[in-house]
Amino acid sequence: MKTILIVDDMQSELDWMAQYLTTAGYSIITATNGEEAIEKTLQSKPDAIVTDWMMPKMGGIDICRKLRKNPETAEIPIIACTAKNRDVDRLWAKKQGVKAYVTKPCTKEQLVGALQEVMG
């Protein structure tokens, strides 16, 4: 079973993604901020990370940068899940190491499709 770390500062977003991905057959870990996400990634080495891009203190971009610098976490696929939906935002996120980009509100199918895309 693949393990997914979901990072979002809004509990309602965490709840629906966790519920759906659990029923889709994934094991779920959640974090409500960037620092917690880094800590849980180092502890658990998830198969993929789905993160909100805009969060207080440490957003998805900072999570991505920190994980890409660490050889132990550099290859973990990261999916940005954000309300930013301009092409420039997508391109910039990809340059930071994001493997897939899903805009909010996203559907369950988009989320699972992105995970399948990045994990094979």
PDB file of N, CA and C in Angstrom:
ATOM      1  N   MET A   1       0.844  -1.183   0.000  1.00  0.00           N
ATOM      2  CA  MET A   1       0.000   0.000   0.000  1.00  0.00           C
ATOM      3  C   MET A   1       0.887   1.243   0.000  1.00  0.00           C
ATOM      4  N   LYS A   2       0.595   2.161  -0.894  1.00  0.00           N
ATOM      5  CA  LYS A   2       1.362   3.402  -1.008  1.00  0.00           C
ATOM      6  C   LYS A   2       0.926   4.386   0.073  1.00  0.00           C
ATOM      7  N   THR A   3       1.899   5.110   0.631  1.00  0.00           N
ATOM      8  CA  THR A   3       1.620   6.096   1.667  1.00  0.00           C
ATOM      9  C   THR A   3       1.719   7.496   1.088  1.00  0.00           C
ATOM     10  N   ILE A   4       0.701   8.310   1.357  1.00  0.00           N
ATOM     11  CA  ILE A   4       0.631   9.673   0.870  1.00  0.00           C
ATOM     12  C   ILE A   4       0.606  10.623   2.063  1.00  0.00           C
ATOM     13  N   LEU A   5       1.458  11.648   2.019  1.00  0.00           N
ATOM     14  CA  LEU A   5       1.414  12.719   3.011  1.00  0.00           C
ATOM     15  C   LEU A   5       0.603  13.859   2.402  1.00  0.00           C
ATOM     16  N   ILE A   6      -0.443  14.266   3.101  1.00  0.00           N
ATOM     17  CA  ILE A   6      -1.274  15.391   2.667  1.00  0.00           C
ATOM     18  C   ILE A   6      -0.982  16.557   3.593  1.00  0.00           C
ATOM     19  N   VAL A   7      -0.675  17.722   3.008  1.00  0.00           N
ATOM     20  CA  VAL A   7      -0.340  18.906   3.795  1.00  0.00           C
ATOM     21  C   VAL A   7      -1.291  20.029   3.419  1.00  0.00           C
ATOM     22  N   ASP A   8      -2.030  20.527   4.400  1.00  0.00           N
ATOM     23  CA  ASP A   8      -2.934  21.653   4.161  1.00  0.00           C
ATOM     24  C   ASP A   8      -3.246  22.297   5.500  1.00  0.00           C
ATOM     25  N   ASP A   9      -3.328  23.612   5.519  1.00  0.00           N
ATOM     26  CA  ASP A   9      -3.638  24.310   6.763  1.00  0.00           C
ATOM     27  C   ASP A   9      -5.139  24.365   7.036  1.00  0.00           C
ATOM     28  N   MET A  10      -5.950  23.911   6.088  1.00  0.00           N
ATOM     29  CA  MET A  10      -7.403  23.875   6.291  1.00  0.00           C
ATOM     30  C   MET A  10      -7.839  22.436   6.582  1.00  0.00           C
ATOM     31  N   GLN A  11      -8.363  22.228   7.774  1.00  0.00           N
ATOM     32  CA  GLN A  11      -8.752  20.888   8.204  1.00  0.00           C
ATOM     33  C   GLN A  11      -9.772  20.257   7.268  1.00  0.00           C
ATOM     34  N   SER A  12     -10.694  21.041   6.739  1.00  0.00           N
ATOM     35  CA  SER A  12     -11.718  20.479   5.844  1.00  0.00           C
ATOM     36  C   SER A  12     -11.081  19.897   4.579  1.00  0.00           C
ATOM     37  N   GLU A  13     -10.032  20.550   4.067  1.00  0.00           N
ATOM     38  CA  GLU A  13      -9.328  20.027   2.892  1.00  0.00           C
ATOM     39  C   GLU A  13      -8.614  18.720   3.243  1.00  0.00           C
ATOM     40  N   LEU A  14      -7.925  18.714   4.380  1.00  0.00           N
ATOM     41  CA  LEU A  14      -7.248  17.488   4.821  1.00  0.00           C
ATOM     42  C   LEU A  14      -8.244  16.341   4.958  1.00  0.00           C
ATOM     43  N   ASP A  15      -9.372  16.625   5.569  1.00  0.00           N
ATOM     44  CA  ASP A  15     -10.362  15.583   5.848  1.00  0.00           C
ATOM     45  C   ASP A  15     -10.896  14.935   4.577  1.00  0.00           C
ATOM     46  N   TRP A  16     -11.325  15.744   3.594  1.00  0.00           N
ATOM     47  CA  TRP A  16     -11.915  15.116   2.402  1.00  0.00           C
ATOM     48  C   TRP A  16     -10.863  14.384   1.593  1.00  0.00           C
ATOM     49  N   MET A  17      -9.644  14.961   1.488  1.00  0.00           N
ATOM     50  CA  MET A  17      -8.603  14.260   0.719  1.00  0.00           C
ATOM     51  C   MET A  17      -8.211  12.952   1.398  1.00  0.00           C
ATOM     52  N   ALA A  18      -8.055  13.003   2.719  1.00  0.00           N
ATOM     53  CA  ALA A  18      -7.687  11.798   3.459  1.00  0.00           C
ATOM     54  C   ALA A  18      -8.759  10.726   3.338  1.00  0.00           C
ATOM     55  N   GLN A  19     -10.009  11.127   3.475  1.00  0.00           N
ATOM     56  CA  GLN A  19     -11.105  10.163   3.379  1.00  0.00           C
ATOM     57  C   GLN A  19     -11.139   9.521   1.997  1.00  0.00           C
ATOM     58  N   TYR A  20     -11.060  10.326   0.965  1.00  0.00           N
ATOM     59  CA  TYR A  20     -11.145   9.768  -0.373  1.00  0.00           C
ATOM     60  C   TYR A  20      -9.941   8.899  -0.699  1.00  0.00           C
ATOM     61  N   LEU A  21      -8.754   9.360  -0.377  1.00  0.00           N
ATOM     62  CA  LEU A  21      -7.558   8.582  -0.717  1.00  0.00           C
ATOM     63  C   LEU A  21      -7.477   7.292   0.084  1.00  0.00           C
ATOM     64  N   THR A  22      -8.013   7.295   1.292  1.00  0.00           N
ATOM     65  CA  THR A  22      -8.083   6.052   2.071  1.00  0.00           C
ATOM     66  C   THR A  22      -8.994   5.047   1.372  1.00  0.00           C
ATOM     67  N   THR A  23     -10.154   5.516   0.912  1.00  0.00           N
ATOM     68  CA  THR A  23     -11.067   4.601   0.215  1.00  0.00           C
ATOM     69  C   THR A  23     -10.508   4.180  -1.145  1.00  0.00           C
ATOM     70  N   ALA A  24      -9.581   4.973  -1.695  1.00  0.00           N
ATOM     71  CA  ALA A  24      -8.943   4.616  -2.970  1.00  0.00           C
ATOM     72  C   ALA A  24      -7.763   3.664  -2.767  1.00  0.00           C
ATOM     73  N   GLY A  25      -7.499   3.300  -1.503  1.00  0.00           N
ATOM     74  CA  GLY A  25      -6.483   2.294  -1.233  1.00  0.00           C
ATOM     75  C   GLY A  25      -5.122   2.811  -0.796  1.00  0.00           C
ATOM     76  N   TYR A  26      -5.044   4.072  -0.438  1.00  0.00           N
ATOM     77  CA  TYR A  26      -3.775   4.639   0.019  1.00  0.00           C
ATOM     78  C   TYR A  26      -3.745   4.725   1.540  1.00  0.00           C
ATOM     79  N   SER A  27      -2.560   4.628   2.103  1.00  0.00           N
ATOM     80  CA  SER A  27      -2.340   4.901   3.514  1.00  0.00           C
ATOM     81  C   SER A  27      -2.033   6.393   3.626  1.00  0.00           C
ATOM     82  N   ILE A  28      -2.624   7.069   4.604  1.00  0.00           N
ATOM     83  CA  ILE A  28      -2.545   8.526   4.677  1.00  0.00           C
ATOM     84  C   ILE A  28      -1.856   8.999   5.945  1.00  0.00           C
ATOM     85  N   ILE A  29      -1.004  10.008   5.756  1.00  0.00           N
ATOM     86  CA  ILE A  29      -0.409  10.765   6.850  1.00  0.00           C
ATOM     87  C   ILE A  29      -0.818  12.214   6.570  1.00  0.00           C
ATOM     88  N   THR A  30      -1.116  12.986   7.614  1.00  0.00           N
ATOM     89  CA  THR A  30      -1.483  14.384   7.386  1.00  0.00           C
ATOM     90  C   THR A  30      -0.579  15.317   8.186  1.00  0.00           C
ATOM     91  N   ALA A  31      -0.462  16.532   7.666  1.00  0.00           N
ATOM     92  CA  ALA A  31       0.261  17.596   8.357  1.00  0.00           C
ATOM     93  C   ALA A  31      -0.481  18.896   8.092  1.00  0.00           C
ATOM     94  N   THR A  32      -0.493  19.791   9.081  1.00  0.00           N
ATOM     95  CA  THR A  32      -1.231  21.045   8.945  1.00  0.00           C
ATOM     96  C   THR A  32      -0.323  22.243   8.673  1.00  0.00           C
ATOM     97  N   ASN A  33       0.980  22.009   8.578  1.00  0.00           N
ATOM     98  CA  ASN A  33       1.898  23.094   8.251  1.00  0.00           C
ATOM     99  C   ASN A  33       3.193  22.524   7.681  1.00  0.00           C
ATOM    100  N   GLY A  34       4.014  23.408   7.143  1.00  0.00           N
ATOM    101  CA  GLY A  34       5.239  22.984   6.481  1.00  0.00           C
ATOM    102  C   GLY A  34       6.247  22.308   7.386  1.00  0.00           C
ATOM    103  N   GLU A  35       6.432  22.848   8.588  1.00  0.00           N
ATOM    104  CA  GLU A  35       7.398  22.243   9.504  1.00  0.00           C
ATOM    105  C   GLU A  35       7.009  20.815   9.862  1.00  0.00           C
ATOM    106  N   GLU A  36       5.727  20.626  10.132  1.00  0.00           N
ATOM    107  CA  GLU A  36       5.221  19.288  10.445  1.00  0.00           C
ATOM    108  C   GLU A  36       5.384  18.362   9.239  1.00  0.00           C
ATOM    109  N   ALA A  37       5.185  18.901   8.048  1.00  0.00           N
ATOM    110  CA  ALA A  37       5.330  18.098   6.830  1.00  0.00           C
ATOM    111  C   ALA A  37       6.766  17.616   6.649  1.00  0.00           C
ATOM    112  N   ILE A  38       7.737  18.486   6.878  1.00  0.00           N
ATOM    113  CA  ILE A  38       9.147  18.110   6.760  1.00  0.00           C
ATOM    114  C   ILE A  38       9.469  17.014   7.779  1.00  0.00           C
ATOM    115  N   GLU A  39       9.033  17.224   9.016  1.00  0.00           N
ATOM    116  CA  GLU A  39       9.279  16.257  10.091  1.00  0.00           C
ATOM    117  C   GLU A  39       8.686  14.887   9.755  1.00  0.00           C
ATOM    118  N   LYS A  40       7.437  14.875   9.311  1.00  0.00           N
ATOM    119  CA  LYS A  40       6.768  13.604   9.003  1.00  0.00           C
ATOM    120  C   LYS A  40       7.367  12.942   7.765  1.00  0.00           C
ATOM    121  N   THR A  41       7.834  13.741   6.825  1.00  0.00           N
ATOM    122  CA  THR A  41       8.490  13.170   5.641  1.00  0.00           C
ATOM    123  C   THR A  41       9.777  12.479   6.038  1.00  0.00           C
ATOM    124  N   LEU A  42      10.556  13.101   6.880  1.00  0.00           N
ATOM    125  CA  LEU A  42      11.818  12.501   7.321  1.00  0.00           C
ATOM    126  C   LEU A  42      11.576  11.231   8.130  1.00  0.00           C
ATOM    127  N   GLN A  43      10.511  11.210   8.924  1.00  0.00           N
ATOM    128  CA  GLN A  43      10.181  10.041   9.745  1.00  0.00           C
ATOM    129  C   GLN A  43       9.607   8.901   8.914  1.00  0.00           C
ATOM    130  N   SER A  44       8.694   9.212   8.008  1.00  0.00           N
ATOM    131  CA  SER A  44       7.890   8.191   7.342  1.00  0.00           C
ATOM    132  C   SER A  44       8.271   7.879   5.903  1.00  0.00           C
ATOM    133  N   LYS A  45       8.984   8.766   5.235  1.00  0.00           N
ATOM    134  CA  LYS A  45       9.347   8.600   3.819  1.00  0.00           C
ATOM    135  C   LYS A  45       8.127   8.183   2.984  1.00  0.00           C
ATOM    136  N   PRO A  46       7.128   9.077   2.864  1.00  0.00           N
ATOM    137  CA  PRO A  46       5.930   8.729   2.081  1.00  0.00           C
ATOM    138  C   PRO A  46       6.278   8.499   0.608  1.00  0.00           C
ATOM    139  N   ASP A  47       5.392   7.815  -0.093  1.00  0.00           N
ATOM    140  CA  ASP A  47       5.586   7.551  -1.521  1.00  0.00           C
ATOM    141  C   ASP A  47       5.313   8.790  -2.367  1.00  0.00           C
ATOM    142  N   ALA A  48       4.494   9.711  -1.840  1.00  0.00           N
ATOM    143  CA  ALA A  48       4.196  10.967  -2.528  1.00  0.00           C
ATOM    144  C   ALA A  48       3.655  11.958  -1.505  1.00  0.00           C
ATOM    145  N   ILE A  49       3.727  13.242  -1.879  1.00  0.00           N
ATOM    146  CA  ILE A  49       3.221  14.319  -1.023  1.00  0.00           C
ATOM    147  C   ILE A  49       2.267  15.172  -1.848  1.00  0.00           C
ATOM    148  N   VAL A  50       1.099  15.446  -1.268  1.00  0.00           N
ATOM    149  CA  VAL A  50       0.145  16.388  -1.851  1.00  0.00           C
ATOM    150  C   VAL A  50       0.116  17.578  -0.913  1.00  0.00           C
ATOM    151  N   THR A  51       0.541  18.745  -1.403  1.00  0.00           N
ATOM    152  CA  THR A  51       0.614  19.896  -0.514  1.00  0.00           C
ATOM    153  C   THR A  51      -0.066  21.134  -1.067  1.00  0.00           C
ATOM    154  N   ASP A  52      -0.725  21.832  -0.156  1.00  0.00           N
ATOM    155  CA  ASP A  52      -1.235  23.156  -0.471  1.00  0.00           C
ATOM    156  C   ASP A  52      -0.016  24.035  -0.744  1.00  0.00           C
ATOM    157  N   TRP A  53      -0.169  24.983  -1.612  1.00  0.00           N
ATOM    158  CA  TRP A  53       0.966  25.832  -1.994  1.00  0.00           C
ATOM    159  C   TRP A  53       1.049  27.073  -1.130  1.00  0.00           C
ATOM    160  N   MET A  54      -0.105  27.568  -0.679  1.00  0.00           N
ATOM    161  CA  MET A  54      -0.138  28.799   0.100  1.00  0.00           C
ATOM    162  C   MET A  54      -0.587  28.503   1.526  1.00  0.00           C
ATOM    163  N   MET A  55       0.372  28.528   2.450  1.00  0.00           N
ATOM    164  CA  MET A  55       0.091  28.305   3.864  1.00  0.00           C
ATOM    165  C   MET A  55       0.919  29.294   4.682  1.00  0.00           C
ATOM    166  N   PRO A  56       0.442  29.612   5.886  1.00  0.00           N
ATOM    167  CA  PRO A  56       1.231  30.507   6.742  1.00  0.00           C
ATOM    168  C   PRO A  56       2.578  29.882   7.108  1.00  0.00           C
ATOM    169  N   LYS A  57       3.535  30.698   7.383  1.00  0.00           N
ATOM    170  CA  LYS A  57       4.887  30.313   7.804  1.00  0.00           C
ATOM    171  C   LYS A  57       5.673  29.601   6.714  1.00  0.00           C
ATOM    172  N   MET A  58       5.334  28.362   6.414  1.00  0.00           N
ATOM    173  CA  MET A  58       6.061  27.595   5.410  1.00  0.00           C
ATOM    174  C   MET A  58       5.066  26.982   4.437  1.00  0.00           C
ATOM    175  N   GLY A  59       5.043  27.490   3.222  1.00  0.00           N
ATOM    176  CA  GLY A  59       4.134  26.990   2.205  1.00  0.00           C
ATOM    177  C   GLY A  59       4.729  25.835   1.423  1.00  0.00           C
ATOM    178  N   GLY A  60       3.991  25.400   0.441  1.00  0.00           N
ATOM    179  CA  GLY A  60       4.401  24.267  -0.381  1.00  0.00           C
ATOM    180  C   GLY A  60       5.729  24.475  -1.088  1.00  0.00           C
ATOM    181  N   ILE A  61       5.989  25.701  -1.521  1.00  0.00           N
ATOM    182  CA  ILE A  61       7.249  25.975  -2.211  1.00  0.00           C
ATOM    183  C   ILE A  61       8.439  25.739  -1.292  1.00  0.00           C
ATOM    184  N   ASP A  62       8.313  26.160  -0.039  1.00  0.00           N
ATOM    185  CA  ASP A  62       9.404  25.964   0.917  1.00  0.00           C
ATOM    186  C   ASP A  62       9.574  24.487   1.267  1.00  0.00           C
ATOM    187  N   ILE A  63       8.462  23.785   1.376  1.00  0.00           N
ATOM    188  CA  ILE A  63       8.520  22.339   1.621  1.00  0.00           C
ATOM    189  C   ILE A  63       9.281  21.676   0.475  1.00  0.00           C
ATOM    190  N   CYS A  64       8.903  22.017  -0.731  1.00  0.00           N
ATOM    191  CA  CYS A  64       9.518  21.442  -1.922  1.00  0.00           C
ATOM    192  C   CYS A  64      11.026  21.727  -1.949  1.00  0.00           C
ATOM    193  N   ARG A  65      11.402  22.958  -1.727  1.00  0.00           N
ATOM    194  CA  ARG A  65      12.826  23.328  -1.747  1.00  0.00           C
ATOM    195  C   ARG A  65      13.630  22.555  -0.710  1.00  0.00           C
ATOM    196  N   LYS A  66      13.106  22.473   0.508  1.00  0.00           N
ATOM    197  CA  LYS A  66      13.835  21.771   1.571  1.00  0.00           C
ATOM    198  C   LYS A  66      13.976  20.280   1.268  1.00  0.00           C
ATOM    199  N   LEU A  67      12.897  19.667   0.781  1.00  0.00           N
ATOM    200  CA  LEU A  67      12.948  18.230   0.503  1.00  0.00           C
ATOM    201  C   LEU A  67      13.850  17.928  -0.692  1.00  0.00           C
ATOM    202  N   ARG A  68      13.893  18.791  -1.667  1.00  0.00           N
ATOM    203  CA  ARG A  68      14.744  18.577  -2.840  1.00  0.00           C
ATOM    204  C   ARG A  68      16.234  18.683  -2.497  1.00  0.00           C
ATOM    205  N   LYS A  69      16.573  19.433  -1.455  1.00  0.00           N
ATOM    206  CA  LYS A  69      17.975  19.593  -1.040  1.00  0.00           C
ATOM    207  C   LYS A  69      18.496  18.392  -0.255  1.00  0.00           C
ATOM    208  N   ASN A  70      17.594  17.585   0.295  1.00  0.00           N
ATOM    209  CA  ASN A  70      17.980  16.444   1.119  1.00  0.00           C
ATOM    210  C   ASN A  70      18.011  15.179   0.253  1.00  0.00           C
ATOM    211  N   PRO A  71      19.165  14.509   0.142  1.00  0.00           N
ATOM    212  CA  PRO A  71      19.246  13.306  -0.692  1.00  0.00           C
ATOM    213  C   PRO A  71      18.242  12.209  -0.295  1.00  0.00           C
ATOM    214  N   GLU A  72      17.859  12.168   0.975  1.00  0.00           N
ATOM    215  CA  GLU A  72      16.916  11.149   1.443  1.00  0.00           C
ATOM    216  C   GLU A  72      15.488  11.401   0.954  1.00  0.00           C
ATOM    217  N   THR A  73      15.175  12.658   0.635  1.00  0.00           N
ATOM    218  CA  THR A  73      13.804  13.006   0.262  1.00  0.00           C
ATOM    219  C   THR A  73      13.703  13.639  -1.128  1.00  0.00           C
ATOM    220  N   ALA A  74      14.811  13.805  -1.787  1.00  0.00           N
ATOM    221  CA  ALA A  74      14.853  14.538  -3.063  1.00  0.00           C
ATOM    222  C   ALA A  74      13.982  13.920  -4.150  1.00  0.00           C
ATOM    223  N   GLU A  75      13.776  12.621  -4.121  1.00  0.00           N
ATOM    224  CA  GLU A  75      13.038  11.948  -5.194  1.00  0.00           C
ATOM    225  C   GLU A  75      11.571  11.693  -4.879  1.00  0.00           C
ATOM    226  N   ILE A  76      11.108  12.092  -3.695  1.00  0.00           N
ATOM    227  CA  ILE A  76       9.697  11.891  -3.365  1.00  0.00           C
ATOM    228  C   ILE A  76       8.854  12.818  -4.241  1.00  0.00           C
ATOM    229  N   PRO A  77       7.904  12.274  -5.008  1.00  0.00           N
ATOM    230  CA  PRO A  77       7.074  13.118  -5.866  1.00  0.00           C
ATOM    231  C   PRO A  77       6.196  14.063  -5.041  1.00  0.00           C
ATOM    232  N   ILE A  78       6.163  15.324  -5.462  1.00  0.00           N
ATOM    233  CA  ILE A  78       5.347  16.326  -4.783  1.00  0.00           C
ATOM    234  C   ILE A  78       4.300  16.844  -5.764  1.00  0.00           C
ATOM    235  N   ILE A  79       3.058  16.874  -5.283  1.00  0.00           N
ATOM    236  CA  ILE A  79       1.945  17.405  -6.061  1.00  0.00           C
ATOM    237  C   ILE A  79       1.481  18.688  -5.390  1.00  0.00           C
ATOM    238  N   ALA A  80       1.474  19.776  -6.126  1.00  0.00           N
ATOM    239  CA  ALA A  80       0.928  21.032  -5.612  1.00  0.00           C
ATOM    240  C   ALA A  80      -0.580  21.007  -5.805  1.00  0.00           C
ATOM    241  N   CYS A  81      -1.305  21.325  -4.754  1.00  0.00           N
ATOM    242  CA  CYS A  81      -2.760  21.401  -4.818  1.00  0.00           C
ATOM    243  C   CYS A  81      -3.134  22.797  -4.327  1.00  0.00           C
ATOM    244  N   THR A  82      -3.470  23.685  -5.258  1.00  0.00           N
ATOM    245  CA  THR A  82      -3.594  25.092  -4.919  1.00  0.00           C
ATOM    246  C   THR A  82      -4.664  25.811  -5.722  1.00  0.00           C
ATOM    247  N   ALA A  83      -5.091  26.944  -5.202  1.00  0.00           N
ATOM    248  CA  ALA A  83      -6.063  27.777  -5.917  1.00  0.00           C
ATOM    249  C   ALA A  83      -5.393  28.598  -7.020  1.00  0.00           C
ATOM    250  N   LYS A  84      -4.077  28.688  -7.005  1.00  0.00           N
ATOM    251  CA  LYS A  84      -3.366  29.434  -8.060  1.00  0.00           C
ATOM    252  C   LYS A  84      -3.432  28.621  -9.345  1.00  0.00           C
ATOM    253  N   ASN A  85      -4.025  29.210 -10.378  1.00  0.00           N
ATOM    254  CA  ASN A  85      -4.217  28.412 -11.588  1.00  0.00           C
ATOM    255  C   ASN A  85      -3.710  29.088 -12.865  1.00  0.00           C
ATOM    256  N   ARG A  86      -2.798  30.033 -12.722  1.00  0.00           N
ATOM    257  CA  ARG A  86      -2.228  30.653 -13.916  1.00  0.00           C
ATOM    258  C   ARG A  86      -1.074  29.792 -14.445  1.00  0.00           C
ATOM    259  N   ASP A  87      -0.854  29.847 -15.738  1.00  0.00           N
ATOM    260  CA  ASP A  87       0.241  29.080 -16.338  1.00  0.00           C
ATOM    261  C   ASP A  87       1.582  29.427 -15.710  1.00  0.00           C
ATOM    262  N   VAL A  88       1.789  30.702 -15.401  1.00  0.00           N
ATOM    263  CA  VAL A  88       3.051  31.122 -14.797  1.00  0.00           C
ATOM    264  C   VAL A  88       3.259  30.440 -13.441  1.00  0.00           C
ATOM    265  N   ASP A  89       2.174  30.246 -12.683  1.00  0.00           N
ATOM    266  CA  ASP A  89       2.274  29.553 -11.390  1.00  0.00           C
ATOM    267  C   ASP A  89       2.647  28.089 -11.580  1.00  0.00           C
ATOM    268  N   ARG A  90       2.037  27.454 -12.568  1.00  0.00           N
ATOM    269  CA  ARG A  90       2.341  26.048 -12.868  1.00  0.00           C
ATOM    270  C   ARG A  90       3.804  25.869 -13.278  1.00  0.00           C
ATOM    271  N   LEU A  91       4.257  26.733 -14.172  1.00  0.00           N
ATOM    272  CA  LEU A  91       5.639  26.636 -14.648  1.00  0.00           C
ATOM    273  C   LEU A  91       6.631  26.870 -13.524  1.00  0.00           C
ATOM    274  N   TRP A  92       6.355  27.850 -12.698  1.00  0.00           N
ATOM    275  CA  TRP A  92       7.238  28.161 -11.578  1.00  0.00           C
ATOM    276  C   TRP A  92       7.299  26.983 -10.600  1.00  0.00           C
ATOM    277  N   ALA A  93       6.141  26.386 -10.308  1.00  0.00           N
ATOM    278  CA  ALA A  93       6.102  25.238  -9.402  1.00  0.00           C
ATOM    279  C   ALA A  93       6.914  24.073  -9.969  1.00  0.00           C
ATOM    280  N   LYS A  94       6.783  23.825 -11.256  1.00  0.00           N
ATOM    281  CA  LYS A  94       7.547  22.738 -11.893  1.00  0.00           C
ATOM    282  C   LYS A  94       9.056  22.992 -11.769  1.00  0.00           C
ATOM    283  N   LYS A  95       9.468  24.248 -11.914  1.00  0.00           N
ATOM    284  CA  LYS A  95      10.887  24.587 -11.778  1.00  0.00           C
ATOM    285  C   LYS A  95      11.388  24.350 -10.358  1.00  0.00           C
ATOM    286  N   GLN A  96      10.482  24.384  -9.400  1.00  0.00           N
ATOM    287  CA  GLN A  96      10.862  24.148  -8.002  1.00  0.00           C
ATOM    288  C   GLN A  96      10.890  22.654  -7.662  1.00  0.00           C
ATOM    289  N   GLY A  97      10.482  21.807  -8.588  1.00  0.00           N
ATOM    290  CA  GLY A  97      10.538  20.374  -8.356  1.00  0.00           C
ATOM    291  C   GLY A  97       9.203  19.680  -8.188  1.00  0.00           C
ATOM    292  N   VAL A  98       8.113  20.397  -8.413  1.00  0.00           N
ATOM    293  CA  VAL A  98       6.787  19.781  -8.321  1.00  0.00           C
ATOM    294  C   VAL A  98       6.590  18.861  -9.524  1.00  0.00           C
ATOM    295  N   LYS A  99       6.075  17.668  -9.284  1.00  0.00           N
ATOM    296  CA  LYS A  99       5.867  16.698 -10.358  1.00  0.00           C
ATOM    297  C   LYS A  99       4.493  16.799 -11.003  1.00  0.00           C
ATOM    298  N   ALA A 100       3.500  17.296 -10.241  1.00  0.00           N
ATOM    299  CA  ALA A 100       2.147  17.470 -10.781  1.00  0.00           C
ATOM    300  C   ALA A 100       1.512  18.663 -10.086  1.00  0.00           C
ATOM    301  N   TYR A 101       0.510  19.242 -10.741  1.00  0.00           N
ATOM    302  CA  TYR A 101      -0.111  20.472 -10.263  1.00  0.00           C
ATOM    303  C   TYR A 101      -1.611  20.338 -10.435  1.00  0.00           C
ATOM    304  N   VAL A 102      -2.340  20.440  -9.345  1.00  0.00           N
ATOM    305  CA  VAL A 102      -3.795  20.309  -9.359  1.00  0.00           C
ATOM    306  C   VAL A 102      -4.391  21.582  -8.764  1.00  0.00           C
ATOM    307  N   THR A 103      -5.355  22.164  -9.450  1.00  0.00           N
ATOM    308  CA  THR A 103      -5.949  23.391  -8.926  1.00  0.00           C
ATOM    309  C   THR A 103      -7.194  23.102  -8.089  1.00  0.00           C
ATOM    310  N   LYS A 104      -7.342  23.878  -7.022  1.00  0.00           N
ATOM    311  CA  LYS A 104      -8.510  23.785  -6.144  1.00  0.00           C
ATOM    312  C   LYS A 104      -9.621  24.634  -6.714  1.00  0.00           C
ATOM    313  N   PRO A 105     -10.860  24.236  -6.555  1.00  0.00           N
ATOM    314  CA  PRO A 105     -11.237  22.950  -5.976  1.00  0.00           C
ATOM    315  C   PRO A 105     -10.981  21.831  -6.978  1.00  0.00           C
ATOM    316  N   CYS A 106     -10.365  20.783  -6.511  1.00  0.00           N
ATOM    317  CA  CYS A 106     -10.081  19.669  -7.415  1.00  0.00           C
ATOM    318  C   CYS A 106     -11.061  18.534  -7.157  1.00  0.00           C
ATOM    319  N   THR A 107     -11.193  17.688  -8.145  1.00  0.00           N
ATOM    320  CA  THR A 107     -12.068  16.528  -8.001  1.00  0.00           C
ATOM    321  C   THR A 107     -11.247  15.354  -7.467  1.00  0.00           C
ATOM    322  N   LYS A 108     -11.945  14.376  -6.998  1.00  0.00           N
ATOM    323  CA  LYS A 108     -11.278  13.161  -6.519  1.00  0.00           C
ATOM    324  C   LYS A 108     -10.506  12.505  -7.664  1.00  0.00           C
ATOM    325  N   GLU A 109     -11.097  12.535  -8.848  1.00  0.00           N
ATOM    326  CA  GLU A 109     -10.451  11.919 -10.011  1.00  0.00           C
ATOM    327  C   GLU A 109      -9.151  12.641 -10.386  1.00  0.00           C
ATOM    328  N   GLN A 110      -9.158  13.966 -10.288  1.00  0.00           N
ATOM    329  CA  GLN A 110      -7.938  14.727 -10.579  1.00  0.00           C
ATOM    330  C   GLN A 110      -6.836  14.395  -9.585  1.00  0.00           C
ATOM    331  N   LEU A 111      -7.208  14.279  -8.333  1.00  0.00           N
ATOM    332  CA  LEU A 111      -6.242  13.976  -7.287  1.00  0.00           C
ATOM    333  C   LEU A 111      -5.629  12.596  -7.476  1.00  0.00           C
ATOM    334  N   VAL A 112      -6.453  11.587  -7.680  1.00  0.00           N
ATOM    335  CA  VAL A 112      -5.963  10.234  -7.896  1.00  0.00           C
ATOM    336  C   VAL A 112      -5.177  10.158  -9.203  1.00  0.00           C
ATOM    337  N   GLY A 113      -5.651  10.844 -10.240  1.00  0.00           N
ATOM    338  CA  GLY A 113      -4.937  10.865 -11.512  1.00  0.00           C
ATOM    339  C   GLY A 113      -3.537  11.436 -11.358  1.00  0.00           C
ATOM    340  N   ALA A 114      -3.391  12.495 -10.591  1.00  0.00           N
ATOM    341  CA  ALA A 114      -2.084  13.102 -10.355  1.00  0.00           C
ATOM    342  C   ALA A 114      -1.179  12.139  -9.592  1.00  0.00           C
ATOM    343  N   LEU A 115      -1.728  11.459  -8.604  1.00  0.00           N
ATOM    344  CA  LEU A 115      -0.930  10.491  -7.842  1.00  0.00           C
ATOM    345  C   LEU A 115      -0.479   9.341  -8.735  1.00  0.00           C
ATOM    346  N   GLN A 116      -1.366   8.836  -9.563  1.00  0.00           N
ATOM    347  CA  GLN A 116      -0.994   7.745 -10.468  1.00  0.00           C
ATOM    348  C   GLN A 116       0.068   8.209 -11.454  1.00  0.00           C
ATOM    349  N   GLU A 117      -0.046   9.452 -11.907  1.00  0.00           N
ATOM    350  CA  GLU A 117       0.926  10.006 -12.849  1.00  0.00           C
ATOM    351  C   GLU A 117       2.323  10.068 -12.241  1.00  0.00           C
ATOM    352  N   VAL A 118       2.437  10.526 -11.008  1.00  0.00           N
ATOM    353  CA  VAL A 118       3.761  10.719 -10.408  1.00  0.00           C
ATOM    354  C   VAL A 118       4.351   9.448  -9.805  1.00  0.00           C
ATOM    355  N   MET A 119       3.508   8.479  -9.485  1.00  0.00           N
ATOM    356  CA  MET A 119       4.019   7.247  -8.873  1.00  0.00           C
ATOM    357  C   MET A 119       4.069   6.084  -9.843  1.00  0.00           C
ATOM    358  N   GLY A 120       3.542   6.271 -11.033  1.00  0.00           N
ATOM    359  CA  GLY A 120       3.567   5.211 -12.039  1.00  0.00           C
ATOM    360  C   GLY A 120       2.489   4.195 -11.902  1.00  0.00           C
TER     361      GLY A 120
END
